[in-house]
Amino acid sequence: MGDWRTDPTFAMCRALAAGADLSSFAGGPFDVRAAVAGIRPETKDGFLLGRVPWERFSQGGDVRDAVHLLHTDGSFRSGAGVVSGM
């Protein structure tokens, strides 16, 4: 593992703290849309939500339930509302 001071995430956080516009990172490695677009469909379909360590996150149980709604019955509004509210 490299030095944290040379990590690209640290550089992005420093830039944001210095006033950089978040939109300047669009399309790059920190753009979740670009990351998700690169995930093959068979990987998404086989994702095991039960194996995510939800307890490690402060609102993990709520996120797990919201993601489950998004993944199973198509309750997009309910699931997306919970996730975006966090």
N, C-alpha and C. Protein backbone atom coordinates (compact mmCIF):
# COMPACT_ATOMS: atom_id res chain seq x y z
N MET A 1 0.85 -1.17 0.00
CA MET A 1 0.00 0.00 0.00
C MET A 1 0.90 1.24 0.00
N GLY A 2 0.51 2.24 -0.78
CA GLY A 2 1.29 3.45 -0.89
C GLY A 2 1.02 4.44 0.24
N ASP A 3 1.74 5.50 0.19
CA ASP A 3 1.59 6.58 1.17
C ASP A 3 0.25 7.28 0.96
N TRP A 4 -0.49 7.49 2.03
CA TRP A 4 -1.83 8.10 1.93
C TRP A 4 -1.76 9.51 1.34
N ARG A 5 -0.63 10.19 1.51
CA ARG A 5 -0.52 11.57 1.00
C ARG A 5 -0.44 11.62 -0.52
N THR A 6 -0.15 10.49 -1.15
CA THR A 6 -0.10 10.45 -2.61
C THR A 6 -1.32 9.76 -3.20
N ASP A 7 -2.26 9.39 -2.35
CA ASP A 7 -3.48 8.72 -2.80
C ASP A 7 -4.36 9.70 -3.57
N PRO A 8 -4.90 9.28 -4.72
CA PRO A 8 -5.75 10.19 -5.51
C PRO A 8 -6.99 10.67 -4.77
N THR A 9 -7.53 9.86 -3.86
CA THR A 9 -8.69 10.28 -3.09
C THR A 9 -8.32 11.43 -2.16
N PHE A 10 -7.16 11.34 -1.55
CA PHE A 10 -6.69 12.41 -0.68
C PHE A 10 -6.50 13.69 -1.50
N ALA A 11 -5.94 13.56 -2.69
CA ALA A 11 -5.75 14.73 -3.55
C ALA A 11 -7.09 15.37 -3.90
N MET A 12 -8.10 14.55 -4.20
CA MET A 12 -9.42 15.08 -4.52
C MET A 12 -10.01 15.80 -3.32
N CYS A 13 -9.90 15.21 -2.14
CA CYS A 13 -10.43 15.84 -0.94
C CYS A 13 -9.74 17.17 -0.66
N ARG A 14 -8.44 17.21 -0.85
CA ARG A 14 -7.71 18.47 -0.66
C ARG A 14 -8.19 19.53 -1.65
N ALA A 15 -8.40 19.11 -2.90
CA ALA A 15 -8.87 20.06 -3.91
C ALA A 15 -10.26 20.59 -3.55
N LEU A 16 -11.14 19.71 -3.09
CA LEU A 16 -12.48 20.14 -2.69
C LEU A 16 -12.43 21.08 -1.50
N ALA A 17 -11.57 20.76 -0.53
CA ALA A 17 -11.43 21.63 0.65
C ALA A 17 -10.88 23.00 0.27
N ALA A 18 -10.11 23.03 -0.82
CA ALA A 18 -9.52 24.29 -1.29
C ALA A 18 -10.48 25.07 -2.19
N GLY A 19 -11.67 24.51 -2.42
CA GLY A 19 -12.68 25.23 -3.18
C GLY A 19 -12.97 24.71 -4.57
N ALA A 20 -12.38 23.59 -4.94
CA ALA A 20 -12.66 23.03 -6.27
C ALA A 20 -14.14 22.67 -6.38
N ASP A 21 -14.67 22.80 -7.57
CA ASP A 21 -16.07 22.45 -7.83
C ASP A 21 -16.18 20.94 -7.99
N LEU A 22 -17.12 20.33 -7.30
CA LEU A 22 -17.30 18.89 -7.37
C LEU A 22 -17.51 18.41 -8.81
N SER A 23 -18.16 19.23 -9.61
CA SER A 23 -18.43 18.84 -11.00
C SER A 23 -17.14 18.71 -11.83
N SER A 24 -16.04 19.26 -11.33
CA SER A 24 -14.78 19.14 -12.07
C SER A 24 -14.26 17.71 -12.06
N PHE A 25 -14.83 16.85 -11.23
CA PHE A 25 -14.42 15.46 -11.16
C PHE A 25 -15.34 14.55 -11.98
N ALA A 26 -16.30 15.13 -12.69
CA ALA A 26 -17.24 14.34 -13.50
C ALA A 26 -16.49 13.57 -14.58
N GLY A 27 -16.86 12.32 -14.74
CA GLY A 27 -16.28 11.49 -15.78
C GLY A 27 -14.98 10.82 -15.38
N GLY A 28 -14.42 11.20 -14.25
CA GLY A 28 -13.16 10.62 -13.79
C GLY A 28 -13.38 9.43 -12.87
N PRO A 29 -12.33 8.99 -12.22
CA PRO A 29 -12.44 7.80 -11.37
C PRO A 29 -13.31 7.98 -10.14
N PHE A 30 -13.66 9.23 -9.80
CA PHE A 30 -14.50 9.47 -8.63
C PHE A 30 -15.96 9.70 -9.01
N ASP A 31 -16.28 9.57 -10.27
CA ASP A 31 -17.64 9.74 -10.75
C ASP A 31 -18.34 8.39 -10.68
N VAL A 32 -19.28 8.25 -9.75
CA VAL A 32 -19.95 6.96 -9.55
C VAL A 32 -20.66 6.49 -10.81
N ARG A 33 -21.11 7.43 -11.63
CA ARG A 33 -21.78 7.03 -12.88
C ARG A 33 -20.82 6.29 -13.79
N ALA A 34 -19.58 6.77 -13.86
CA ALA A 34 -18.58 6.10 -14.70
C ALA A 34 -18.22 4.74 -14.12
N ALA A 35 -18.11 4.67 -12.80
CA ALA A 35 -17.76 3.40 -12.17
C ALA A 35 -18.86 2.36 -12.37
N VAL A 36 -20.10 2.76 -12.16
CA VAL A 36 -21.22 1.82 -12.31
C VAL A 36 -21.40 1.39 -13.76
N ALA A 37 -21.18 2.31 -14.69
CA ALA A 37 -21.33 1.97 -16.10
C ALA A 37 -20.33 0.89 -16.53
N GLY A 38 -19.22 0.81 -15.83
CA GLY A 38 -18.21 -0.18 -16.17
C GLY A 38 -18.44 -1.55 -15.57
N ILE A 39 -19.47 -1.70 -14.76
CA ILE A 39 -19.76 -3.00 -14.14
C ILE A 39 -20.60 -3.83 -15.11
N ARG A 40 -20.12 -5.01 -15.40
CA ARG A 40 -20.84 -5.88 -16.33
C ARG A 40 -22.18 -6.31 -15.73
N PRO A 41 -23.23 -6.47 -16.56
CA PRO A 41 -24.56 -6.85 -16.06
C PRO A 41 -24.55 -8.14 -15.24
N GLU A 42 -23.77 -9.13 -15.64
CA GLU A 42 -23.76 -10.39 -14.91
C GLU A 42 -23.18 -10.21 -13.50
N THR A 43 -22.32 -9.23 -13.33
CA THR A 43 -21.77 -8.94 -12.01
C THR A 43 -22.85 -8.32 -11.13
N LYS A 44 -23.61 -7.38 -11.69
CA LYS A 44 -24.69 -6.75 -10.94
C LYS A 44 -25.75 -7.76 -10.54
N ASP A 45 -26.09 -8.66 -11.47
CA ASP A 45 -27.13 -9.65 -11.21
C ASP A 45 -26.70 -10.64 -10.13
N GLY A 46 -25.40 -10.91 -10.04
CA GLY A 46 -24.92 -11.89 -9.08
C GLY A 46 -24.44 -11.29 -7.77
N PHE A 47 -24.64 -9.99 -7.58
CA PHE A 47 -24.15 -9.33 -6.38
C PHE A 47 -24.87 -9.87 -5.15
N LEU A 48 -24.11 -10.27 -4.18
CA LEU A 48 -24.67 -10.88 -2.97
C LEU A 48 -24.80 -9.84 -1.87
N LEU A 49 -25.98 -9.23 -1.78
CA LEU A 49 -26.21 -8.19 -0.78
C LEU A 49 -26.03 -8.69 0.63
N GLY A 50 -26.29 -9.96 0.85
CA GLY A 50 -26.15 -10.53 2.18
C GLY A 50 -24.71 -10.62 2.65
N ARG A 51 -23.76 -10.48 1.74
CA ARG A 51 -22.35 -10.59 2.12
C ARG A 51 -21.71 -9.24 2.42
N VAL A 52 -22.45 -8.16 2.20
CA VAL A 52 -21.93 -6.83 2.53
C VAL A 52 -21.95 -6.67 4.05
N PRO A 53 -20.85 -6.18 4.65
CA PRO A 53 -20.82 -6.01 6.11
C PRO A 53 -21.58 -4.76 6.54
N TRP A 54 -22.89 -4.78 6.44
CA TRP A 54 -23.73 -3.61 6.70
C TRP A 54 -23.52 -3.03 8.09
N GLU A 55 -23.19 -3.88 9.06
CA GLU A 55 -23.04 -3.42 10.43
C GLU A 55 -21.85 -2.46 10.61
N ARG A 56 -20.99 -2.40 9.63
CA ARG A 56 -19.84 -1.50 9.72
C ARG A 56 -20.20 -0.05 9.40
N PHE A 57 -21.39 0.18 8.92
CA PHE A 57 -21.82 1.52 8.53
C PHE A 57 -22.87 2.03 9.51
N SER A 58 -22.79 3.32 9.80
CA SER A 58 -23.68 3.88 10.83
C SER A 58 -25.16 3.66 10.52
N GLN A 59 -25.55 3.72 9.27
CA GLN A 59 -26.95 3.49 8.89
C GLN A 59 -27.07 2.27 7.98
N GLY A 60 -26.19 1.32 8.21
CA GLY A 60 -26.11 0.15 7.35
C GLY A 60 -27.41 -0.62 7.20
N GLY A 61 -28.13 -0.78 8.29
CA GLY A 61 -29.40 -1.52 8.21
C GLY A 61 -30.41 -0.84 7.32
N ASP A 62 -30.49 0.47 7.43
CA ASP A 62 -31.43 1.22 6.58
C ASP A 62 -31.00 1.18 5.11
N VAL A 63 -29.69 1.31 4.88
CA VAL A 63 -29.19 1.25 3.50
C VAL A 63 -29.43 -0.14 2.92
N ARG A 64 -29.16 -1.18 3.72
CA ARG A 64 -29.40 -2.55 3.26
C ARG A 64 -30.84 -2.73 2.82
N ASP A 65 -31.77 -2.24 3.65
CA ASP A 65 -33.19 -2.38 3.31
C ASP A 65 -33.55 -1.60 2.05
N ALA A 66 -33.00 -0.39 1.91
CA ALA A 66 -33.28 0.43 0.73
C ALA A 66 -32.71 -0.21 -0.53
N VAL A 67 -31.49 -0.71 -0.44
CA VAL A 67 -30.87 -1.36 -1.60
C VAL A 67 -31.64 -2.62 -1.96
N HIS A 68 -32.10 -3.33 -0.95
CA HIS A 68 -32.92 -4.52 -1.20
C HIS A 68 -34.19 -4.15 -1.97
N LEU A 69 -34.84 -3.06 -1.58
CA LEU A 69 -36.03 -2.60 -2.31
C LEU A 69 -35.70 -2.29 -3.77
N LEU A 70 -34.59 -1.58 -3.96
CA LEU A 70 -34.19 -1.23 -5.32
C LEU A 70 -33.89 -2.47 -6.15
N HIS A 71 -33.31 -3.45 -5.51
CA HIS A 71 -32.84 -4.64 -6.23
C HIS A 71 -33.95 -5.65 -6.52
N THR A 72 -34.96 -5.72 -5.66
CA THR A 72 -35.93 -6.80 -5.79
C THR A 72 -37.25 -6.40 -6.42
N ASP A 73 -38.01 -5.55 -5.75
CA ASP A 73 -39.37 -5.33 -6.24
C ASP A 73 -39.56 -4.04 -7.02
N GLY A 74 -38.49 -3.37 -7.34
CA GLY A 74 -38.61 -2.18 -8.17
C GLY A 74 -39.18 -0.97 -7.46
N SER A 75 -39.17 -0.97 -6.13
CA SER A 75 -39.67 0.19 -5.38
C SER A 75 -38.62 1.30 -5.42
N PHE A 76 -38.41 1.83 -6.59
CA PHE A 76 -37.34 2.80 -6.77
C PHE A 76 -37.51 4.03 -5.90
N ARG A 77 -38.71 4.56 -5.85
CA ARG A 77 -38.92 5.79 -5.06
C ARG A 77 -38.61 5.57 -3.59
N SER A 78 -39.09 4.48 -3.04
CA SER A 78 -38.84 4.21 -1.62
C SER A 78 -37.37 4.01 -1.35
N GLY A 79 -36.74 3.14 -2.12
CA GLY A 79 -35.32 2.84 -1.91
C GLY A 79 -34.43 4.03 -2.19
N ALA A 80 -34.67 4.70 -3.30
CA ALA A 80 -33.84 5.85 -3.65
C ALA A 80 -34.03 6.99 -2.65
N GLY A 81 -35.24 7.15 -2.15
CA GLY A 81 -35.51 8.19 -1.17
C GLY A 81 -34.74 7.97 0.12
N VAL A 82 -34.68 6.74 0.56
CA VAL A 82 -33.95 6.42 1.78
C VAL A 82 -32.46 6.67 1.58
N VAL A 83 -31.93 6.18 0.46
CA VAL A 83 -30.50 6.33 0.21
C VAL A 83 -30.12 7.79 0.03
N SER A 84 -30.89 8.55 -0.71
CA SER A 84 -30.54 9.96 -0.93
C SER A 84 -30.73 10.78 0.33
N GLY A 85 -31.62 10.37 1.22
CA GLY A 85 -31.81 11.08 2.48
C GLY A 85 -30.65 10.94 3.43
N MET A 86 -29.79 9.98 3.18
CA MET A 86 -28.65 9.76 4.06
C MET A 86 -27.49 10.60 3.63
